[in-house]
C-alpha cells in the first residue's frame, strides 16, 4: 500500500495551519504481495545512524533492513526488447 502526497499543493496549504487534503491525495495497492518469509534471505543489519535517532524511533540491536536489487524495464509499442530505466 502506498499513500501518495501532492507536494505542490501540500506546500501551498501548509501555511498557517498544516497539511489538509494534499496528504491523502491517493492510495494505491500493489498487484503483488511479498511475505516476510520471502524477504528473509535479503535481510541485513541496518547501518549505524548518525545522529542517533530518538529512543522511540530506535530499534536497538534488532534493527534490520533489506538488501534487494531492483530492475525497472519498460517495453513500449514498436520496441522489440525492454529498455532498463532504473537499477538499484
N, C-alpha and C. Protein backbone atom coordinates (compact mmCIF):
# COMPACT_ATOMS: atom_id res chain seq x y z
N UNK A 1 0.84 -1.17 0.00
CA UNK A 1 0.00 0.00 0.00
C UNK A 1 0.89 1.24 0.00
N UNK A 2 0.52 2.23 -0.77
CA UNK A 2 1.29 3.46 -0.85
C UNK A 2 0.34 4.65 -0.79
N UNK A 3 0.58 5.54 0.14
CA UNK A 3 -0.19 6.78 0.22
C UNK A 3 0.59 7.87 -0.50
N UNK A 4 -0.02 8.47 -1.47
CA UNK A 4 0.63 9.50 -2.28
C UNK A 4 0.30 10.88 -1.74
N UNK A 5 1.26 11.79 -1.84
CA UNK A 5 1.05 13.17 -1.43
C UNK A 5 1.21 14.08 -2.63
N UNK A 6 0.40 15.11 -2.69
CA UNK A 6 0.54 16.14 -3.72
C UNK A 6 1.39 17.25 -3.12
N UNK A 7 2.71 17.11 -3.25
CA UNK A 7 3.63 18.01 -2.55
C UNK A 7 3.46 19.47 -2.95
N UNK A 8 3.16 19.73 -4.21
CA UNK A 8 3.00 21.13 -4.62
C UNK A 8 1.80 21.76 -3.91
N UNK A 9 0.71 21.02 -3.78
CA UNK A 9 -0.47 21.53 -3.08
C UNK A 9 -0.19 21.58 -1.59
N UNK A 10 0.48 20.56 -1.08
CA UNK A 10 0.78 20.48 0.34
C UNK A 10 1.59 21.69 0.79
N UNK A 11 2.58 22.09 0.01
CA UNK A 11 3.41 23.24 0.35
C UNK A 11 2.57 24.51 0.41
N UNK A 12 1.65 24.64 -0.52
CA UNK A 12 0.82 25.84 -0.58
C UNK A 12 -0.15 25.92 0.60
N UNK A 13 -0.77 24.78 0.96
CA UNK A 13 -1.79 24.82 2.02
C UNK A 13 -1.21 24.67 3.42
N UNK A 14 0.07 24.39 3.53
CA UNK A 14 0.69 24.12 4.83
C UNK A 14 0.67 25.35 5.74
N UNK A 15 0.81 26.53 5.18
CA UNK A 15 0.86 27.76 5.97
C UNK A 15 -0.55 28.35 6.04
N UNK A 16 -1.10 28.67 7.18
CA UNK A 16 -0.51 28.61 8.51
C UNK A 16 -0.97 27.39 9.33
N UNK A 17 -1.86 26.54 8.79
CA UNK A 17 -2.50 25.53 9.64
C UNK A 17 -2.00 24.10 9.45
N UNK A 18 -1.12 23.85 8.51
CA UNK A 18 -0.65 22.49 8.29
C UNK A 18 -1.35 21.84 7.10
N UNK A 19 -0.89 20.64 6.70
CA UNK A 19 -1.45 19.99 5.52
C UNK A 19 -2.90 19.55 5.72
N UNK A 20 -3.67 19.66 4.68
CA UNK A 20 -5.07 19.24 4.73
C UNK A 20 -5.27 18.07 3.76
N UNK A 21 -5.86 18.32 2.61
CA UNK A 21 -6.19 17.23 1.70
C UNK A 21 -5.03 16.78 0.82
N UNK A 22 -3.94 17.50 0.76
CA UNK A 22 -2.81 17.09 -0.07
C UNK A 22 -2.13 15.84 0.49
N UNK A 23 -2.30 15.57 1.78
CA UNK A 23 -1.68 14.38 2.37
C UNK A 23 -2.41 13.11 1.97
N UNK A 24 -3.67 13.19 1.62
CA UNK A 24 -4.42 11.99 1.23
C UNK A 24 -4.81 12.07 -0.24
N UNK A 25 -3.87 12.48 -1.06
CA UNK A 25 -4.11 12.69 -2.48
C UNK A 25 -4.59 11.41 -3.17
N UNK A 26 -3.94 10.27 -2.88
CA UNK A 26 -4.33 9.00 -3.49
C UNK A 26 -3.69 7.85 -2.72
N UNK A 27 -4.28 6.68 -2.83
CA UNK A 27 -3.72 5.47 -2.25
C UNK A 27 -3.75 4.38 -3.30
N UNK A 28 -2.62 3.66 -3.43
CA UNK A 28 -2.57 2.56 -4.38
C UNK A 28 -2.15 1.29 -3.65
N UNK A 29 -2.55 0.17 -4.20
CA UNK A 29 -2.17 -1.12 -3.67
C UNK A 29 -1.50 -1.91 -4.79
N UNK A 30 -0.34 -2.45 -4.50
CA UNK A 30 0.42 -3.20 -5.48
C UNK A 30 -0.31 -4.47 -5.88
N UNK A 31 -0.13 -4.92 -7.11
CA UNK A 31 -0.73 -6.20 -7.51
C UNK A 31 0.01 -7.40 -6.93
N UNK A 32 1.16 -7.17 -6.30
CA UNK A 32 1.95 -8.26 -5.71
C UNK A 32 1.99 -8.10 -4.20
N UNK A 33 1.91 -9.22 -3.51
CA UNK A 33 2.08 -9.24 -2.07
C UNK A 33 3.31 -10.10 -1.79
N UNK A 34 4.28 -9.53 -1.07
CA UNK A 34 5.51 -10.24 -0.74
C UNK A 34 5.48 -10.52 0.76
N UNK A 35 5.59 -11.79 1.11
CA UNK A 35 5.54 -12.17 2.52
C UNK A 35 6.89 -11.91 3.20
N UNK A 36 6.86 -11.81 4.54
CA UNK A 36 8.09 -11.64 5.30
C UNK A 36 9.04 -12.81 5.07
N UNK A 37 8.49 -14.00 4.94
CA UNK A 37 9.32 -15.19 4.72
C UNK A 37 10.09 -15.09 3.41
N UNK A 38 9.46 -14.56 2.38
CA UNK A 38 10.12 -14.41 1.08
C UNK A 38 11.24 -13.37 1.13
N UNK A 39 11.13 -12.40 2.02
CA UNK A 39 12.14 -11.35 2.14
C UNK A 39 13.30 -11.75 3.04
N UNK A 40 13.12 -12.77 3.84
CA UNK A 40 14.12 -13.16 4.84
C UNK A 40 15.54 -13.34 4.28
N UNK A 41 15.74 -13.97 3.10
CA UNK A 41 17.11 -14.13 2.58
C UNK A 41 17.81 -12.80 2.27
N UNK A 42 17.05 -11.71 2.18
CA UNK A 42 17.62 -10.41 1.83
C UNK A 42 17.82 -9.51 3.05
N UNK A 43 17.52 -10.02 4.24
CA UNK A 43 17.62 -9.23 5.48
C UNK A 43 19.09 -9.05 5.85
N UNK A 44 19.47 -7.80 6.16
CA UNK A 44 20.84 -7.46 6.56
C UNK A 44 20.78 -6.49 7.73
N UNK A 45 21.86 -6.39 8.52
CA UNK A 45 21.87 -5.41 9.62
C UNK A 45 21.75 -3.99 9.07
N UNK A 46 21.03 -3.16 9.78
CA UNK A 46 20.85 -1.76 9.36
C UNK A 46 22.14 -0.98 9.61
N UNK A 47 22.35 0.05 8.82
CA UNK A 47 23.52 0.91 9.01
C UNK A 47 23.39 1.72 10.29
N UNK A 48 24.52 2.10 10.84
CA UNK A 48 24.53 2.94 12.04
C UNK A 48 24.00 4.31 11.66
N UNK A 49 23.09 4.82 12.46
CA UNK A 49 22.52 6.13 12.18
C UNK A 49 23.26 7.21 12.96
N UNK A 50 23.63 8.27 12.27
CA UNK A 50 24.32 9.39 12.89
C UNK A 50 23.70 10.68 12.38
N UNK A 51 23.03 11.43 13.21
CA UNK A 51 22.93 11.30 14.66
C UNK A 51 21.98 10.16 15.04
N UNK A 52 22.16 9.66 16.25
CA UNK A 52 21.34 8.57 16.76
C UNK A 52 19.88 9.03 16.84
N UNK A 53 18.94 8.18 16.40
CA UNK A 53 17.52 8.57 16.45
C UNK A 53 17.00 8.63 17.89
N UNK A 54 15.88 9.30 18.06
CA UNK A 54 15.25 9.36 19.37
C UNK A 54 14.90 7.95 19.82
N UNK A 55 14.84 7.69 21.12
CA UNK A 55 14.62 6.33 21.63
C UNK A 55 13.40 5.63 21.05
N UNK A 56 12.29 6.36 20.86
CA UNK A 56 11.09 5.69 20.35
C UNK A 56 11.20 5.33 18.87
N UNK A 57 12.22 5.85 18.16
CA UNK A 57 12.44 5.51 16.76
C UNK A 57 13.58 4.52 16.57
N UNK A 58 14.29 4.22 17.63
CA UNK A 58 15.46 3.35 17.54
C UNK A 58 15.06 1.90 17.82
N UNK A 59 15.36 1.02 16.88
CA UNK A 59 15.03 -0.40 17.05
C UNK A 59 16.08 -1.16 17.83
N UNK A 60 17.14 -0.48 18.26
CA UNK A 60 18.19 -1.13 19.03
C UNK A 60 18.92 -2.17 18.20
N UNK A 61 19.35 -3.25 18.84
CA UNK A 61 20.12 -4.29 18.15
C UNK A 61 19.25 -5.09 17.18
N UNK A 62 17.94 -4.97 17.28
CA UNK A 62 17.03 -5.70 16.39
C UNK A 62 16.82 -4.99 15.06
N UNK A 63 17.43 -3.81 14.90
CA UNK A 63 17.24 -3.05 13.66
C UNK A 63 17.80 -3.82 12.47
N UNK A 64 16.96 -4.06 11.49
CA UNK A 64 17.36 -4.75 10.26
C UNK A 64 16.77 -4.00 9.08
N UNK A 65 17.32 -4.27 7.92
CA UNK A 65 16.80 -3.71 6.69
C UNK A 65 16.95 -4.77 5.61
N UNK A 66 16.64 -4.44 4.37
CA UNK A 66 16.70 -5.41 3.29
C UNK A 66 17.65 -4.91 2.20
N UNK A 67 18.43 -5.82 1.63
CA UNK A 67 19.33 -5.52 0.52
C UNK A 67 18.76 -6.21 -0.71
N UNK A 68 18.01 -5.46 -1.50
CA UNK A 68 17.30 -6.01 -2.66
C UNK A 68 17.70 -5.23 -3.90
N UNK A 69 18.07 -5.97 -4.95
CA UNK A 69 18.35 -5.34 -6.24
C UNK A 69 17.05 -5.27 -7.03
N UNK A 70 16.75 -4.10 -7.54
CA UNK A 70 15.52 -3.89 -8.28
C UNK A 70 15.84 -3.34 -9.66
N UNK A 71 15.37 -4.01 -10.69
CA UNK A 71 15.49 -3.54 -12.07
C UNK A 71 14.13 -3.09 -12.56
N UNK A 72 14.08 -1.95 -13.23
CA UNK A 72 12.85 -1.48 -13.85
C UNK A 72 13.10 -1.40 -15.35
N UNK A 73 12.33 -2.20 -16.09
CA UNK A 73 12.44 -2.23 -17.54
C UNK A 73 11.10 -1.85 -18.15
N UNK A 74 11.15 -1.09 -19.23
CA UNK A 74 9.93 -0.65 -19.91
C UNK A 74 9.97 -1.13 -21.35
N UNK A 75 8.86 -1.69 -21.79
CA UNK A 75 8.74 -2.09 -23.20
C UNK A 75 7.59 -1.29 -23.80
N UNK A 76 7.92 -0.47 -24.77
CA UNK A 76 6.92 0.37 -25.44
C UNK A 76 6.49 -0.30 -26.74
N UNK A 77 5.30 0.05 -27.22
CA UNK A 77 4.86 -0.49 -28.51
C UNK A 77 5.88 -0.14 -29.60
N UNK A 78 6.20 -1.12 -30.44
CA UNK A 78 7.14 -0.89 -31.53
C UNK A 78 8.59 -1.13 -31.16
N UNK A 79 8.87 -1.43 -29.89
CA UNK A 79 10.24 -1.71 -29.47
C UNK A 79 10.34 -3.19 -29.15
N UNK A 80 11.33 -3.86 -29.75
CA UNK A 80 11.44 -5.31 -29.61
C UNK A 80 11.79 -5.77 -28.20
N UNK A 81 12.77 -5.15 -27.60
CA UNK A 81 13.19 -5.60 -26.27
C UNK A 81 13.04 -4.47 -25.25
N UNK A 82 12.82 -4.83 -23.98
CA UNK A 82 12.65 -3.80 -22.95
C UNK A 82 13.91 -2.96 -22.77
N UNK A 83 13.70 -1.74 -22.30
CA UNK A 83 14.80 -0.81 -22.03
C UNK A 83 14.87 -0.61 -20.52
N UNK A 84 16.05 -0.81 -19.93
CA UNK A 84 16.20 -0.59 -18.49
C UNK A 84 16.18 0.90 -18.21
N UNK A 85 15.33 1.30 -17.28
CA UNK A 85 15.26 2.71 -16.91
C UNK A 85 15.80 2.96 -15.51
N UNK A 86 15.95 1.89 -14.72
CA UNK A 86 16.45 2.07 -13.36
C UNK A 86 16.98 0.75 -12.82
N UNK A 87 18.03 0.83 -12.03
CA UNK A 87 18.54 -0.34 -11.29
C UNK A 87 19.07 0.16 -9.96
N UNK A 88 18.61 -0.48 -8.88
CA UNK A 88 19.09 -0.09 -7.57
C UNK A 88 20.03 -1.13 -7.01
